[in-house]
Amino acid sequence: MKKSLLALVGFAALSAVAFAQNTGTTTTSANCTGEIGTDLCEVQGQTLLQAVKVEGITLTVPNEIDFTLVDGQLNPGNQPLTATTTWDLSSVTGAANIAVTAWFASSDAMSPTDGSGDTNAPIQASAIIGQIGNNGPQLAFGAGTPYVGSSVSSAFSLPLYEVPPTSNSTAPGVGSFTENMNLFVDSIHNQYAPLAPGAVYAGVVYITAEVL
């Protein structure tokens, strides 16, 4: 019994700079007369150079995580929810931390997609377990403590990490951070209805990266 949990990128943009691009060309010509080596024959052109520094924050996460269910155990995903955040906050003042949170939009984390909705209830967010790294505590979505000041208001969330802008810094205010959250579907505590053979569920987990 297999189902997919799609992971969508949450993106928090601090600022963006746009400029009109001049993609045309300029041609300059000169007439040459007389004898080469005696009379001057040359032409000059010029090209405008432009560079734009864009500051902000980006987040990269997997497109999809798959689970194969076996009753009576924690069923792991085929890969962790790996969240990589990069940022350039070099001219942003008051930035204390970069926080990343995973969350579901409702208590229903994954719903039947094969027409079995009349007999199979959705898998609840409380049946989705997250674990930071391989040694962290295993917590159901909704059991974590939200980051102070976070914009994520969902009651079905789990924090991934909160780091200062100096983490893995390559220049003042420029850095990156990566963390893995292992995901499991809990079939031990009967937090979703028994699945019929071949039942397929799907859902979306959202990930928000923000500057606090």
C-alpha atoms as a PDB file:
ATOM      1  CA  MET A   1       0.000   0.000   0.000  1.00  0.00           C
ATOM      2  CA  LYS A   2       1.691   3.133  -1.194  1.00  0.00           C
ATOM      3  CA  LYS A   3       0.949   6.807  -1.052  1.00  0.00           C
ATOM      4  CA  SER A   4       2.791  10.026  -1.798  1.00  0.00           C
ATOM      5  CA  LEU A   5       3.424  13.060   0.356  1.00  0.00           C
ATOM      6  CA  LEU A   6       4.311  16.013  -1.844  1.00  0.00           C
ATOM      7  CA  ALA A   7       6.625  18.635  -0.427  1.00  0.00           C
ATOM      8  CA  LEU A   8       6.137  22.129  -1.791  1.00  0.00           C
ATOM      9  CA  VAL A   9       8.631  24.936  -1.505  1.00  0.00           C
ATOM     10  CA  GLY A  10       7.711  27.881   0.716  1.00  0.00           C
ATOM     11  CA  PHE A  11       9.578  31.033  -0.337  1.00  0.00           C
ATOM     12  CA  ALA A  12       9.959  34.227   1.687  1.00  0.00           C
ATOM     13  CA  ALA A  13      11.352  37.110  -0.368  1.00  0.00           C
ATOM     14  CA  LEU A  14      12.794  40.067   1.522  1.00  0.00           C
ATOM     15  CA  SER A  15      13.512  42.320  -1.416  1.00  0.00           C
ATOM     16  CA  ALA A  16      13.892  42.155  -5.162  1.00  0.00           C
ATOM     17  CA  VAL A  17      15.608  44.432  -7.634  1.00  0.00           C
ATOM     18  CA  ALA A  18      14.504  44.628 -11.234  1.00  0.00           C
ATOM     19  CA  PHE A  19      15.996  46.595 -14.096  1.00  0.00           C
ATOM     20  CA  ALA A  20      15.231  47.023 -17.775  1.00  0.00           C
ATOM     21  CA  GLN A  21      17.602  44.990 -19.865  1.00  0.00           C
ATOM     22  CA  ASN A  22      19.008  46.415 -23.082  1.00  0.00           C
ATOM     23  CA  THR A  23      19.533  43.400 -25.315  1.00  0.00           C
ATOM     24  CA  GLY A  24      20.191  45.353 -28.525  1.00  0.00           C
ATOM     25  CA  THR A  25      23.482  45.937 -30.281  1.00  0.00           C
ATOM     26  CA  THR A  26      25.321  49.002 -31.563  1.00  0.00           C
ATOM     27  CA  THR A  27      27.278  49.038 -34.798  1.00  0.00           C
ATOM     28  CA  THR A  28      30.002  51.613 -35.473  1.00  0.00           C
ATOM     29  CA  SER A  29      31.798  51.883 -38.783  1.00  0.00           C
ATOM     30  CA  ALA A  30      34.581  53.934 -40.311  1.00  0.00           C
ATOM     31  CA  ASN A  31      35.673  54.563 -43.871  1.00  0.00           C
ATOM     32  CA  CYS A  32      39.269  53.705 -44.625  1.00  0.00           C
ATOM     33  CA  THR A  33      41.178  55.385 -47.438  1.00  0.00           C
ATOM     34  CA  GLY A  34      44.766  55.693 -48.393  1.00  0.00           C
ATOM     35  CA  GLU A  35      47.485  53.184 -47.580  1.00  0.00           C
ATOM     36  CA  ILE A  36      47.247  50.937 -44.518  1.00  0.00           C
ATOM     37  CA  GLY A  37      50.248  51.577 -42.308  1.00  0.00           C
ATOM     38  CA  THR A  38      50.371  55.201 -43.336  1.00  0.00           C
ATOM     39  CA  ASP A  39      46.814  56.396 -42.755  1.00  0.00           C
ATOM     40  CA  LEU A  40      44.883  55.617 -39.580  1.00  0.00           C
ATOM     41  CA  CYS A  41      41.985  53.147 -39.980  1.00  0.00           C
ATOM     42  CA  GLU A  42      40.252  52.225 -36.750  1.00  0.00           C
ATOM     43  CA  VAL A  43      36.833  52.123 -35.097  1.00  0.00           C
ATOM     44  CA  GLN A  44      35.751  52.170 -31.465  1.00  0.00           C
ATOM     45  CA  GLY A  45      32.649  50.811 -29.778  1.00  0.00           C
ATOM     46  CA  GLN A  46      31.391  50.626 -26.226  1.00  0.00           C
ATOM     47  CA  THR A  47      29.337  48.148 -24.151  1.00  0.00           C
ATOM     48  CA  LEU A  48      27.424  49.026 -21.014  1.00  0.00           C
ATOM     49  CA  LEU A  49      28.062  46.717 -18.045  1.00  0.00           C
ATOM     50  CA  GLN A  50      25.376  46.214 -15.380  1.00  0.00           C
ATOM     51  CA  ALA A  51      25.308  44.109 -12.219  1.00  0.00           C
ATOM     52  CA  VAL A  52      22.467  43.751  -9.737  1.00  0.00           C
ATOM     53  CA  LYS A  53      22.794  42.381  -6.207  1.00  0.00           C
ATOM     54  CA  VAL A  54      19.568  40.747  -5.059  1.00  0.00           C
ATOM     55  CA  GLU A  55      19.071  40.113  -1.371  1.00  0.00           C
ATOM     56  CA  GLY A  56      16.643  37.605   0.067  1.00  0.00           C
ATOM     57  CA  ILE A  57      16.159  34.017   1.181  1.00  0.00           C
ATOM     58  CA  THR A  58      15.545  30.821  -0.789  1.00  0.00           C
ATOM     59  CA  LEU A  59      14.462  27.322   0.218  1.00  0.00           C
ATOM     60  CA  THR A  60      15.014  23.981  -1.525  1.00  0.00           C
ATOM     61  CA  VAL A  61      13.076  20.823  -0.550  1.00  0.00           C
ATOM     62  CA  PRO A  62      12.264  17.478  -2.220  1.00  0.00           C
ATOM     63  CA  ASN A  63       9.425  17.303  -4.731  1.00  0.00           C
ATOM     64  CA  GLU A  64       7.978  14.072  -3.341  1.00  0.00           C
ATOM     65  CA  ILE A  65       8.295  11.612  -0.454  1.00  0.00           C
ATOM     66  CA  ASP A  66       6.775   8.129  -0.766  1.00  0.00           C
ATOM     67  CA  PHE A  67       5.645   5.703   1.930  1.00  0.00           C
ATOM     68  CA  THR A  68       4.885   1.982   1.812  1.00  0.00           C
ATOM     69  CA  LEU A  69       2.541   1.030   4.650  1.00  0.00           C
ATOM     70  CA  VAL A  70       2.834  -1.974   6.935  1.00  0.00           C
ATOM     71  CA  ASP A  71       0.357  -2.276   9.790  1.00  0.00           C
ATOM     72  CA  GLY A  72       1.657  -1.973  13.333  1.00  0.00           C
ATOM     73  CA  GLN A  73       4.833   0.035  12.755  1.00  0.00           C
ATOM     74  CA  LEU A  74       6.271   3.430  11.958  1.00  0.00           C
ATOM     75  CA  ASN A  75       6.509   3.511   8.163  1.00  0.00           C
ATOM     76  CA  PRO A  76       9.451   5.638   6.961  1.00  0.00           C
ATOM     77  CA  GLY A  77       9.498   7.772   3.856  1.00  0.00           C
ATOM     78  CA  ASN A  78      11.792   6.806   1.008  1.00  0.00           C
ATOM     79  CA  GLN A  79      13.898   9.919   1.676  1.00  0.00           C
ATOM     80  CA  PRO A  80      14.097  12.582   4.381  1.00  0.00           C
ATOM     81  CA  LEU A  81      12.560  16.006   4.084  1.00  0.00           C
ATOM     82  CA  THR A  82      15.829  17.835   3.405  1.00  0.00           C
ATOM     83  CA  ALA A  83      15.442  21.596   3.701  1.00  0.00           C
ATOM     84  CA  THR A  84      18.293  23.795   2.448  1.00  0.00           C
ATOM     85  CA  THR A  85      18.043  27.523   3.040  1.00  0.00           C
ATOM     86  CA  THR A  86      20.394  30.109   1.521  1.00  0.00           C
ATOM     87  CA  TRP A  87      20.272  33.825   2.187  1.00  0.00           C
ATOM     88  CA  ASP A  88      21.849  37.199   1.519  1.00  0.00           C
ATOM     89  CA  LEU A  89      20.849  39.637   4.240  1.00  0.00           C
ATOM     90  CA  SER A  90      23.934  41.810   4.116  1.00  0.00           C
ATOM     91  CA  SER A  91      22.023  45.098   4.175  1.00  0.00           C
ATOM     92  CA  VAL A  92      19.000  43.906   6.183  1.00  0.00           C
ATOM     93  CA  THR A  93      18.885  45.226   9.726  1.00  0.00           C
ATOM     94  CA  GLY A  94      17.233  43.507  12.665  1.00  0.00           C
ATOM     95  CA  ALA A  95      17.487  39.953  11.276  1.00  0.00           C
ATOM     96  CA  ALA A  96      17.936  37.688  14.308  1.00  0.00           C
ATOM     97  CA  ASN A  97      17.361  34.193  12.910  1.00  0.00           C
ATOM     98  CA  ILE A  98      16.288  32.200   9.879  1.00  0.00           C
ATOM     99  CA  ALA A  99      13.500  29.782  10.845  1.00  0.00           C
ATOM    100  CA  VAL A 100      12.123  26.850   8.834  1.00  0.00           C
ATOM    101  CA  THR A 101       8.837  25.127   9.705  1.00  0.00           C
ATOM    102  CA  ALA A 102       6.942  22.216   8.120  1.00  0.00           C
ATOM    103  CA  TRP A 103       3.153  22.240   8.399  1.00  0.00           C
ATOM    104  CA  PHE A 104      -0.142  20.880   7.134  1.00  0.00           C
ATOM    105  CA  ALA A 105      -3.053  23.095   6.125  1.00  0.00           C
ATOM    106  CA  SER A 106      -5.586  21.004   8.053  1.00  0.00           C
ATOM    107  CA  SER A 107      -5.882  17.982  10.323  1.00  0.00           C
ATOM    108  CA  ASP A 108      -6.169  15.764   7.223  1.00  0.00           C
ATOM    109  CA  ALA A 109      -2.599  15.194   6.060  1.00  0.00           C
ATOM    110  CA  MET A 110      -3.276  12.645   3.295  1.00  0.00           C
ATOM    111  CA  SER A 111      -6.583  11.797   1.599  1.00  0.00           C
ATOM    112  CA  PRO A 112      -7.668   8.834  -0.564  1.00  0.00           C
ATOM    113  CA  THR A 113      -7.017   9.400  -4.269  1.00  0.00           C
ATOM    114  CA  ASP A 114      -8.284   6.056  -5.631  1.00  0.00           C
ATOM    115  CA  GLY A 115     -12.013   6.447  -5.044  1.00  0.00           C
ATOM    116  CA  SER A 116     -11.906   4.722  -1.645  1.00  0.00           C
ATOM    117  CA  GLY A 117     -12.843   7.854   0.292  1.00  0.00           C
ATOM    118  CA  ASP A 118     -16.204   6.394   1.299  1.00  0.00           C
ATOM    119  CA  THR A 119     -14.559   3.524   3.172  1.00  0.00           C
ATOM    120  CA  ASN A 120     -11.132   4.958   4.085  1.00  0.00           C
ATOM    121  CA  ALA A 121     -10.758   8.032   6.270  1.00  0.00           C
ATOM    122  CA  PRO A 122      -7.945  10.537   5.609  1.00  0.00           C
ATOM    123  CA  ILE A 123      -4.629   9.986   7.357  1.00  0.00           C
ATOM    124  CA  GLN A 124      -4.452  12.569  10.115  1.00  0.00           C
ATOM    125  CA  ALA A 125      -1.603  15.023  10.618  1.00  0.00           C
ATOM    126  CA  SER A 126      -1.195  13.540  14.094  1.00  0.00           C
ATOM    127  CA  ALA A 127      -0.240  10.246  12.405  1.00  0.00           C
ATOM    128  CA  ILE A 128       2.670  11.907  10.546  1.00  0.00           C
ATOM    129  CA  ILE A 129       5.812  11.748  12.675  1.00  0.00           C
ATOM    130  CA  GLY A 130       8.877  13.945  12.165  1.00  0.00           C
ATOM    131  CA  GLN A 131      12.386  13.338  13.478  1.00  0.00           C
ATOM    132  CA  ILE A 132      15.294  15.760  13.081  1.00  0.00           C
ATOM    133  CA  GLY A 133      18.322  13.724  12.001  1.00  0.00           C
ATOM    134  CA  ASN A 134      18.615  10.131  13.158  1.00  0.00           C
ATOM    135  CA  ASN A 135      18.798  10.789  16.889  1.00  0.00           C
ATOM    136  CA  GLY A 136      16.202  13.476  17.496  1.00  0.00           C
ATOM    137  CA  PRO A 137      12.867  12.869  19.261  1.00  0.00           C
ATOM    138  CA  GLN A 138      10.000  11.531  17.160  1.00  0.00           C
ATOM    139  CA  LEU A 139       7.158  14.070  17.297  1.00  0.00           C
ATOM    140  CA  ALA A 140       3.737  14.117  15.679  1.00  0.00           C
ATOM    141  CA  PHE A 141       2.838  17.193  13.658  1.00  0.00           C
ATOM    142  CA  GLY A 142       1.268  19.629  16.097  1.00  0.00           C
ATOM    143  CA  ALA A 143       3.384  18.469  19.035  1.00  0.00           C
ATOM    144  CA  GLY A 144       6.266  20.870  18.429  1.00  0.00           C
ATOM    145  CA  THR A 145       6.709  24.353  19.843  1.00  0.00           C
ATOM    146  CA  PRO A 146       6.392  27.098  17.177  1.00  0.00           C
ATOM    147  CA  TYR A 147       9.241  29.566  16.821  1.00  0.00           C
ATOM    148  CA  VAL A 148       8.636  32.900  18.511  1.00  0.00           C
ATOM    149  CA  GLY A 149       7.516  35.426  15.908  1.00  0.00           C
ATOM    150  CA  SER A 150       6.824  32.834  13.200  1.00  0.00           C
ATOM    151  CA  SER A 151       4.114  33.595  10.649  1.00  0.00           C
ATOM    152  CA  VAL A 152       3.082  29.920  10.556  1.00  0.00           C
ATOM    153  CA  SER A 153      -0.274  29.704  12.328  1.00  0.00           C
ATOM    154  CA  SER A 154      -1.142  26.081  11.549  1.00  0.00           C
ATOM    155  CA  ALA A 155      -1.879  23.905  14.577  1.00  0.00           C
ATOM    156  CA  PHE A 156      -0.363  20.984  12.652  1.00  0.00           C
ATOM    157  CA  SER A 157       3.263  22.088  12.331  1.00  0.00           C
ATOM    158  CA  LEU A 158       6.742  20.969  13.324  1.00  0.00           C
ATOM    159  CA  PRO A 159       9.824  23.212  13.470  1.00  0.00           C
ATOM    160  CA  LEU A 160      12.857  22.114  11.453  1.00  0.00           C
ATOM    161  CA  TYR A 161      15.517  24.606  12.498  1.00  0.00           C
ATOM    162  CA  GLU A 162      16.253  28.150  13.594  1.00  0.00           C
ATOM    163  CA  VAL A 163      19.742  29.504  12.930  1.00  0.00           C
ATOM    164  CA  PRO A 164      21.419  32.934  12.971  1.00  0.00           C
ATOM    165  CA  PRO A 165      22.353  34.652   9.683  1.00  0.00           C
ATOM    166  CA  THR A 166      26.021  33.927  10.461  1.00  0.00           C
ATOM    167  CA  SER A 167      25.549  30.151  10.002  1.00  0.00           C
ATOM    168  CA  ASN A 168      27.980  28.777   7.384  1.00  0.00           C
ATOM    169  CA  SER A 169      28.686  32.383   6.469  1.00  0.00           C
ATOM    170  CA  THR A 170      30.674  33.101   3.322  1.00  0.00           C
ATOM    171  CA  ALA A 171      30.425  36.886   3.775  1.00  0.00           C
ATOM    172  CA  PRO A 172      28.727  39.209   6.275  1.00  0.00           C
ATOM    173  CA  GLY A 173      25.002  38.402   6.161  1.00  0.00           C
ATOM    174  CA  VAL A 174      25.442  35.655   3.551  1.00  0.00           C
ATOM    175  CA  GLY A 175      25.066  32.014   4.532  1.00  0.00           C
ATOM    176  CA  SER A 176      23.243  28.703   4.228  1.00  0.00           C
ATOM    177  CA  PHE A 177      21.954  25.812   6.331  1.00  0.00           C
ATOM    178  CA  THR A 178      20.676  22.291   5.653  1.00  0.00           C
ATOM    179  CA  GLU A 179      18.735  19.966   7.942  1.00  0.00           C
ATOM    180  CA  ASN A 180      17.037  16.602   7.468  1.00  0.00           C
ATOM    181  CA  MET A 181      13.673  15.648   8.950  1.00  0.00           C
ATOM    182  CA  ASN A 182      12.804  11.966   8.692  1.00  0.00           C
ATOM    183  CA  LEU A 183       9.075  11.432   8.156  1.00  0.00           C
ATOM    184  CA  PHE A 184       7.024   8.403   9.224  1.00  0.00           C
ATOM    185  CA  VAL A 185       3.390   7.338   8.958  1.00  0.00           C
ATOM    186  CA  ASP A 186       2.303   5.918  12.309  1.00  0.00           C
ATOM    187  CA  SER A 187       0.215   2.748  11.907  1.00  0.00           C
ATOM    188  CA  ILE A 188       0.828   1.619  15.503  1.00  0.00           C
ATOM    189  CA  HIS A 189      -1.603   3.858  17.345  1.00  0.00           C
ATOM    190  CA  ASN A 190      -4.552   3.510  14.933  1.00  0.00           C
ATOM    191  CA  GLN A 191      -4.597   7.210  14.114  1.00  0.00           C
ATOM    192  CA  TYR A 192      -6.061   6.544  10.679  1.00  0.00           C
ATOM    193  CA  ALA A 193      -8.696   4.084   9.444  1.00  0.00           C
ATOM    194  CA  PRO A 194      -7.573   0.601   8.324  1.00  0.00           C
ATOM    195  CA  LEU A 195      -6.506   0.705   4.714  1.00  0.00           C
ATOM    196  CA  ALA A 196      -7.861  -1.628   2.077  1.00  0.00           C
ATOM    197  CA  PRO A 197      -5.250  -3.439  -0.024  1.00  0.00           C
ATOM    198  CA  GLY A 198      -3.953  -1.116  -2.718  1.00  0.00           C
ATOM    199  CA  ALA A 199      -5.405   2.047  -1.182  1.00  0.00           C
ATOM    200  CA  VAL A 200      -3.535   5.162  -2.333  1.00  0.00           C
ATOM    201  CA  TYR A 201      -3.344   8.356  -0.287  1.00  0.00           C
ATOM    202  CA  ALA A 202      -1.720  11.673  -1.172  1.00  0.00           C
ATOM    203  CA  GLY A 203      -1.211  14.997   0.536  1.00  0.00           C
ATOM    204  CA  VAL A 204       0.959  18.101   0.719  1.00  0.00           C
ATOM    205  CA  VAL A 205       3.286  19.241   3.463  1.00  0.00           C
ATOM    206  CA  TYR A 206       4.222  22.908   3.291  1.00  0.00           C
ATOM    207  CA  ILE A 207       7.604  24.297   4.337  1.00  0.00           C
ATOM    208  CA  THR A 208       8.041  27.938   5.273  1.00  0.00           C
ATOM    209  CA  ALA A 209      11.404  29.678   5.578  1.00  0.00           C
ATOM    210  CA  GLU A 210      11.342  33.123   7.142  1.00  0.00           C
ATOM    211  CA  VAL A 211      13.582  35.749   8.673  1.00  0.00           C
ATOM    212  CA  LEU A 212      12.656  36.549  12.253  1.00  0.00           C
END
